[in-house]
Amino acid sequence: MKSIKIVPRRLKGSVEIPPSKSISHRAIICASLSDGLSKIENIIFSEDITATLLGMKAFGVQYEVKDDEEGLNLLIRGKGNLNLIDNVIDCRESGSTLRFLIPVSLCRIKKLPLKDVAN
């Protein structure tokens, strides 16, 4: 039987994964909570993803969509500490956005009024 010797080394490079709406939501939120500029590549743009972007914009997060030779990329300038700028976070009809942004909101602000917009 052959044996392989594994030598610890610093990893370099990148991993390319297939686009996923679920991972895209999480990447947007993580980038928004970080300090500085993040680039998200290979993102799926959908109505749900747009809702999450607009939800993070309600916290003052800035983003820009870049269309270059690599395809559509998203640049997000994270704020670290989020402050609610708009009185309403419109999740549109995205259950994923609502599910992700409720805990983010509760961790970041002292009071979160919930409004029943269906009635």
N, C-alpha and C. Protein backbone atom coordinates (compact mmCIF):
# COMPACT_ATOMS: atom_id res chain seq x y z
N MET A 1 0.83 -1.16 0.00
CA MET A 1 0.00 0.00 0.00
C MET A 1 0.89 1.24 0.00
N LYS A 2 0.56 2.20 -0.88
CA LYS A 2 1.32 3.44 -0.94
C LYS A 2 0.95 4.36 0.21
N SER A 3 1.90 5.16 0.60
CA SER A 3 1.62 6.14 1.63
C SER A 3 1.88 7.54 1.08
N ILE A 4 1.19 8.50 1.63
CA ILE A 4 1.33 9.89 1.22
C ILE A 4 1.74 10.70 2.44
N LYS A 5 2.73 11.52 2.28
CA LYS A 5 3.18 12.38 3.36
C LYS A 5 2.55 13.76 3.16
N ILE A 6 1.84 14.25 4.16
CA ILE A 6 1.20 15.56 4.11
C ILE A 6 2.04 16.53 4.92
N VAL A 7 2.45 17.60 4.28
CA VAL A 7 3.28 18.61 4.92
C VAL A 7 2.45 19.88 5.09
N PRO A 8 2.32 20.36 6.31
CA PRO A 8 1.52 21.59 6.52
C PRO A 8 2.14 22.78 5.78
N ARG A 9 1.31 23.51 5.06
CA ARG A 9 1.73 24.71 4.32
C ARG A 9 0.58 25.70 4.33
N ARG A 10 0.93 26.93 4.08
CA ARG A 10 -0.08 27.98 3.95
C ARG A 10 -0.84 27.75 2.64
N LEU A 11 -2.17 27.80 2.70
CA LEU A 11 -2.98 27.60 1.50
C LEU A 11 -3.05 28.89 0.69
N LYS A 12 -3.03 28.73 -0.61
CA LYS A 12 -3.17 29.85 -1.53
C LYS A 12 -4.16 29.46 -2.61
N GLY A 13 -4.76 30.47 -3.23
CA GLY A 13 -5.64 30.19 -4.34
C GLY A 13 -7.07 30.58 -4.04
N SER A 14 -7.95 30.05 -4.82
CA SER A 14 -9.37 30.34 -4.64
C SER A 14 -10.17 29.09 -4.95
N VAL A 15 -11.37 29.09 -4.46
CA VAL A 15 -12.29 27.98 -4.70
C VAL A 15 -13.48 28.54 -5.44
N GLU A 16 -13.80 27.96 -6.56
CA GLU A 16 -14.95 28.42 -7.32
C GLU A 16 -16.09 27.43 -7.11
N ILE A 17 -17.18 27.94 -6.58
CA ILE A 17 -18.33 27.09 -6.31
C ILE A 17 -19.47 27.52 -7.24
N PRO A 18 -20.40 26.63 -7.51
CA PRO A 18 -21.55 27.02 -8.33
C PRO A 18 -22.38 28.07 -7.60
N PRO A 19 -23.01 28.97 -8.33
CA PRO A 19 -23.82 29.99 -7.66
C PRO A 19 -24.98 29.36 -6.91
N SER A 20 -25.30 29.97 -5.78
CA SER A 20 -26.38 29.49 -4.94
C SER A 20 -27.08 30.68 -4.32
N LYS A 21 -28.40 30.71 -4.41
CA LYS A 21 -29.15 31.82 -3.83
C LYS A 21 -28.97 31.85 -2.32
N SER A 22 -28.98 30.70 -1.69
CA SER A 22 -28.81 30.63 -0.25
C SER A 22 -27.45 31.17 0.20
N ILE A 23 -26.39 30.77 -0.51
CA ILE A 23 -25.05 31.26 -0.17
C ILE A 23 -24.94 32.75 -0.50
N SER A 24 -25.61 33.20 -1.55
CA SER A 24 -25.58 34.61 -1.92
C SER A 24 -26.15 35.48 -0.80
N HIS A 25 -27.28 35.08 -0.22
CA HIS A 25 -27.86 35.82 0.93
C HIS A 25 -26.83 35.93 2.05
N ARG A 26 -26.25 34.81 2.39
CA ARG A 26 -25.29 34.77 3.51
C ARG A 26 -24.05 35.61 3.21
N ALA A 27 -23.57 35.55 1.98
CA ALA A 27 -22.38 36.32 1.61
C ALA A 27 -22.66 37.82 1.69
N ILE A 28 -23.83 38.25 1.25
CA ILE A 28 -24.20 39.66 1.32
C ILE A 28 -24.25 40.13 2.78
N ILE A 29 -24.86 39.33 3.64
CA ILE A 29 -24.98 39.72 5.04
C ILE A 29 -23.61 39.71 5.72
N CYS A 30 -22.80 38.70 5.47
CA CYS A 30 -21.45 38.66 6.06
C CYS A 30 -20.61 39.84 5.60
N ALA A 31 -20.66 40.16 4.32
CA ALA A 31 -19.91 41.29 3.80
C ALA A 31 -20.40 42.60 4.42
N SER A 32 -21.69 42.71 4.63
CA SER A 32 -22.27 43.92 5.22
C SER A 32 -21.85 44.10 6.67
N LEU A 33 -21.68 42.99 7.38
CA LEU A 33 -21.29 43.05 8.79
C LEU A 33 -19.79 43.23 8.99
N SER A 34 -19.03 43.08 7.92
CA SER A 34 -17.58 43.22 8.02
C SER A 34 -17.18 44.68 7.87
N ASP A 35 -15.94 44.98 8.20
CA ASP A 35 -15.40 46.32 7.96
C ASP A 35 -14.67 46.30 6.62
N GLY A 36 -14.91 47.30 5.80
CA GLY A 36 -14.16 47.39 4.56
C GLY A 36 -14.92 46.87 3.36
N LEU A 37 -14.17 46.71 2.27
CA LEU A 37 -14.75 46.34 0.99
C LEU A 37 -14.66 44.83 0.75
N SER A 38 -15.79 44.25 0.33
CA SER A 38 -15.83 42.83 -0.02
C SER A 38 -16.31 42.70 -1.46
N LYS A 39 -15.76 41.73 -2.16
CA LYS A 39 -16.19 41.44 -3.53
C LYS A 39 -16.80 40.05 -3.53
N ILE A 40 -18.03 39.98 -4.00
CA ILE A 40 -18.72 38.70 -4.11
C ILE A 40 -18.86 38.39 -5.59
N GLU A 41 -18.28 37.28 -5.99
CA GLU A 41 -18.31 36.87 -7.38
C GLU A 41 -19.28 35.70 -7.55
N ASN A 42 -19.69 35.49 -8.79
CA ASN A 42 -20.51 34.33 -9.12
C ASN A 42 -21.81 34.31 -8.32
N ILE A 43 -22.43 35.48 -8.22
CA ILE A 43 -23.64 35.62 -7.42
C ILE A 43 -24.87 35.46 -8.31
N ILE A 44 -25.92 34.92 -7.74
CA ILE A 44 -27.19 34.82 -8.45
C ILE A 44 -28.01 36.05 -8.10
N PHE A 45 -28.35 36.85 -9.09
CA PHE A 45 -29.20 38.01 -8.86
C PHE A 45 -30.64 37.60 -9.12
N SER A 46 -31.46 37.72 -8.10
CA SER A 46 -32.87 37.39 -8.19
C SER A 46 -33.63 38.43 -7.38
N GLU A 47 -34.94 38.34 -7.38
CA GLU A 47 -35.74 39.28 -6.58
C GLU A 47 -35.43 39.13 -5.10
N ASP A 48 -35.20 37.90 -4.64
CA ASP A 48 -34.86 37.67 -3.23
C ASP A 48 -33.51 38.30 -2.88
N ILE A 49 -32.53 38.16 -3.75
CA ILE A 49 -31.20 38.73 -3.50
C ILE A 49 -31.30 40.25 -3.51
N THR A 50 -32.07 40.80 -4.42
CA THR A 50 -32.28 42.25 -4.45
C THR A 50 -32.94 42.72 -3.15
N ALA A 51 -33.87 41.95 -2.63
CA ALA A 51 -34.52 42.31 -1.37
C ALA A 51 -33.51 42.32 -0.23
N THR A 52 -32.60 41.35 -0.20
CA THR A 52 -31.57 41.32 0.85
C THR A 52 -30.62 42.51 0.70
N LEU A 53 -30.24 42.83 -0.53
CA LEU A 53 -29.39 44.01 -0.74
C LEU A 53 -30.07 45.28 -0.27
N LEU A 54 -31.34 45.44 -0.60
CA LEU A 54 -32.07 46.64 -0.17
C LEU A 54 -32.28 46.65 1.34
N GLY A 55 -32.44 45.45 1.92
CA GLY A 55 -32.55 45.37 3.37
C GLY A 55 -31.27 45.83 4.05
N MET A 56 -30.13 45.42 3.52
CA MET A 56 -28.85 45.85 4.10
C MET A 56 -28.61 47.33 3.83
N LYS A 57 -29.13 47.83 2.72
CA LYS A 57 -29.03 49.26 2.42
C LYS A 57 -29.80 50.08 3.46
N ALA A 58 -30.88 49.52 3.99
CA ALA A 58 -31.64 50.19 5.05
C ALA A 58 -30.79 50.39 6.31
N PHE A 59 -29.72 49.59 6.44
CA PHE A 59 -28.78 49.74 7.54
C PHE A 59 -27.60 50.64 7.17
N GLY A 60 -27.63 51.23 5.98
CA GLY A 60 -26.57 52.13 5.57
C GLY A 60 -25.44 51.48 4.83
N VAL A 61 -25.59 50.21 4.48
CA VAL A 61 -24.54 49.50 3.74
C VAL A 61 -24.59 49.94 2.27
N GLN A 62 -23.42 50.21 1.71
CA GLN A 62 -23.33 50.62 0.31
C GLN A 62 -22.90 49.42 -0.54
N TYR A 63 -23.49 49.31 -1.71
CA TYR A 63 -23.11 48.25 -2.62
C TYR A 63 -23.12 48.74 -4.05
N GLU A 64 -22.42 48.01 -4.90
CA GLU A 64 -22.35 48.34 -6.31
C GLU A 64 -22.26 47.04 -7.10
N VAL A 65 -23.02 46.97 -8.16
CA VAL A 65 -22.98 45.81 -9.05
C VAL A 65 -22.02 46.13 -10.19
N LYS A 66 -21.04 45.26 -10.40
CA LYS A 66 -20.05 45.44 -11.46
C LYS A 66 -20.25 44.36 -12.51
N ASP A 67 -20.29 44.77 -13.75
CA ASP A 67 -20.38 43.83 -14.86
C ASP A 67 -19.07 43.93 -15.64
N ASP A 68 -18.21 42.94 -15.48
CA ASP A 68 -16.92 42.97 -16.16
C ASP A 68 -16.69 41.63 -16.87
N GLU A 69 -15.47 41.40 -17.29
CA GLU A 69 -15.17 40.18 -18.04
C GLU A 69 -15.41 38.91 -17.22
N GLU A 70 -15.43 39.04 -15.90
CA GLU A 70 -15.69 37.88 -15.04
C GLU A 70 -17.18 37.63 -14.85
N GLY A 71 -18.02 38.54 -15.33
CA GLY A 71 -19.46 38.42 -15.14
C GLY A 71 -19.95 39.44 -14.13
N LEU A 72 -21.10 39.18 -13.55
CA LEU A 72 -21.66 40.09 -12.56
C LEU A 72 -21.03 39.85 -11.20
N ASN A 73 -20.51 40.89 -10.62
CA ASN A 73 -19.92 40.83 -9.29
C ASN A 73 -20.57 41.90 -8.42
N LEU A 74 -20.46 41.70 -7.15
CA LEU A 74 -21.06 42.62 -6.19
C LEU A 74 -19.97 43.14 -5.27
N LEU A 75 -19.87 44.46 -5.17
CA LEU A 75 -18.95 45.09 -4.24
C LEU A 75 -19.76 45.66 -3.08
N ILE A 76 -19.42 45.26 -1.88
CA ILE A 76 -20.15 45.72 -0.69
C ILE A 76 -19.17 46.38 0.25
N ARG A 77 -19.50 47.59 0.68
CA ARG A 77 -18.70 48.28 1.68
C ARG A 77 -19.38 48.05 3.02
N GLY A 78 -18.82 47.13 3.79
CA GLY A 78 -19.38 46.78 5.09
C GLY A 78 -19.22 47.89 6.11
N LYS A 79 -20.10 47.89 7.08
CA LYS A 79 -20.07 48.93 8.10
C LYS A 79 -19.65 48.41 9.47
N GLY A 80 -19.58 47.12 9.62
CA GLY A 80 -19.24 46.58 10.94
C GLY A 80 -20.41 46.75 11.89
N ASN A 81 -20.58 47.94 12.41
CA ASN A 81 -21.71 48.26 13.28
C ASN A 81 -22.82 48.86 12.44
N LEU A 82 -23.91 48.16 12.34
CA LEU A 82 -25.04 48.62 11.53
C LEU A 82 -25.96 49.51 12.35
N ASN A 83 -26.43 50.54 11.70
CA ASN A 83 -27.44 51.41 12.30
C ASN A 83 -28.59 51.51 11.33
N LEU A 84 -29.80 51.31 11.82
CA LEU A 84 -30.96 51.36 10.96
C LEU A 84 -31.18 52.80 10.50
N ILE A 85 -31.12 53.03 9.18
CA ILE A 85 -31.30 54.36 8.61
C ILE A 85 -32.75 54.58 8.23
N ASP A 86 -33.35 53.62 7.59
CA ASP A 86 -34.76 53.70 7.21
C ASP A 86 -35.61 53.12 8.32
N ASN A 87 -36.84 53.62 8.45
CA ASN A 87 -37.74 53.10 9.48
C ASN A 87 -38.32 51.75 9.12
N VAL A 88 -38.26 51.40 7.85
CA VAL A 88 -38.86 50.15 7.38
C VAL A 88 -37.80 49.36 6.59
N ILE A 89 -37.74 48.08 6.88
CA ILE A 89 -36.93 47.18 6.06
C ILE A 89 -37.92 46.40 5.21
N ASP A 90 -37.96 46.72 3.94
CA ASP A 90 -38.92 46.09 3.03
C ASP A 90 -38.31 44.81 2.48
N CYS A 91 -38.78 43.69 2.95
CA CYS A 91 -38.28 42.39 2.49
C CYS A 91 -38.99 41.93 1.23
N ARG A 92 -39.84 42.79 0.70
CA ARG A 92 -40.65 42.46 -0.46
C ARG A 92 -41.42 41.18 -0.14
N GLU A 93 -41.35 40.21 -0.97
CA GLU A 93 -42.01 38.94 -0.68
C GLU A 93 -41.00 37.83 -0.47
N SER A 94 -39.82 38.20 -0.01
CA SER A 94 -38.74 37.23 0.16
C SER A 94 -38.73 36.68 1.58
N GLY A 95 -39.16 35.44 1.70
CA GLY A 95 -39.11 34.77 3.00
C GLY A 95 -37.68 34.60 3.50
N SER A 96 -36.77 34.35 2.58
CA SER A 96 -35.36 34.19 2.97
C SER A 96 -34.82 35.48 3.55
N THR A 97 -35.10 36.61 2.89
CA THR A 97 -34.63 37.90 3.39
C THR A 97 -35.20 38.17 4.77
N LEU A 98 -36.47 37.95 4.95
CA LEU A 98 -37.11 38.16 6.25
C LEU A 98 -36.47 37.27 7.32
N ARG A 99 -36.28 36.02 6.99
CA ARG A 99 -35.71 35.05 7.93
C ARG A 99 -34.28 35.44 8.34
N PHE A 100 -33.49 35.97 7.39
CA PHE A 100 -32.12 36.36 7.71
C PHE A 100 -32.04 37.71 8.42
N LEU A 101 -32.89 38.66 8.04
CA LEU A 101 -32.74 40.01 8.56
C LEU A 101 -33.39 40.24 9.92
N ILE A 102 -34.33 39.40 10.32
CA ILE A 102 -34.89 39.55 11.67
C ILE A 102 -33.81 39.39 12.73
N PRO A 103 -33.01 38.31 12.74
CA PRO A 103 -31.97 38.21 13.76
C PRO A 103 -30.89 39.29 13.63
N VAL A 104 -30.54 39.66 12.39
CA VAL A 104 -29.56 40.74 12.21
C VAL A 104 -30.10 42.02 12.83
N SER A 105 -31.37 42.31 12.58
CA SER A 105 -31.99 43.52 13.12
C SER A 105 -32.03 43.49 14.64
N LEU A 106 -32.40 42.37 15.20
CA LEU A 106 -32.52 42.27 16.65
C LEU A 106 -31.17 42.41 17.35
N CYS A 107 -30.11 42.01 16.68
CA CYS A 107 -28.77 42.14 17.26
C CYS A 107 -28.23 43.55 17.13
N ARG A 108 -28.76 44.33 16.22
CA ARG A 108 -28.18 45.62 15.90
C ARG A 108 -28.95 46.82 16.41
N ILE A 109 -30.23 46.67 16.70
CA ILE A 109 -31.00 47.82 17.15
C ILE A 109 -31.74 47.46 18.43
N LYS A 110 -32.12 48.49 19.16
CA LYS A 110 -32.78 48.27 20.45
C LYS A 110 -34.27 48.02 20.31
N LYS A 111 -34.89 48.62 19.31
CA LYS A 111 -36.33 48.47 19.14
C LYS A 111 -36.63 48.20 17.67
N LEU A 112 -37.39 47.17 17.41
CA LEU A 112 -37.74 46.82 16.04
C LEU A 112 -39.25 46.68 15.93
N PRO A 113 -39.92 47.72 15.44
CA PRO A 113 -41.37 47.60 15.28
C PRO A 113 -41.70 46.71 14.08
N LEU A 114 -42.57 45.74 14.28
CA LEU A 114 -43.01 44.87 13.20
C LEU A 114 -44.38 45.35 12.75
N LYS A 115 -44.56 45.45 11.47
CA LYS A 115 -45.79 45.99 10.91
C LYS A 115 -46.41 44.97 9.97
N ASP A 116 -47.70 44.73 10.14
CA ASP A 116 -48.42 43.82 9.26
C ASP A 116 -48.85 44.60 8.02
N VAL A 117 -48.11 44.43 6.93
CA VAL A 117 -48.42 45.19 5.72
C VAL A 117 -49.45 44.48 4.85
N ALA A 118 -49.80 43.24 5.21
CA ALA A 118 -50.76 42.49 4.41
C ALA A 118 -52.19 42.98 4.66
N ASN A 119 -52.46 43.53 5.82
CA ASN A 119 -53.83 43.98 6.16
C ASN A 119 -53.95 45.48 6.17
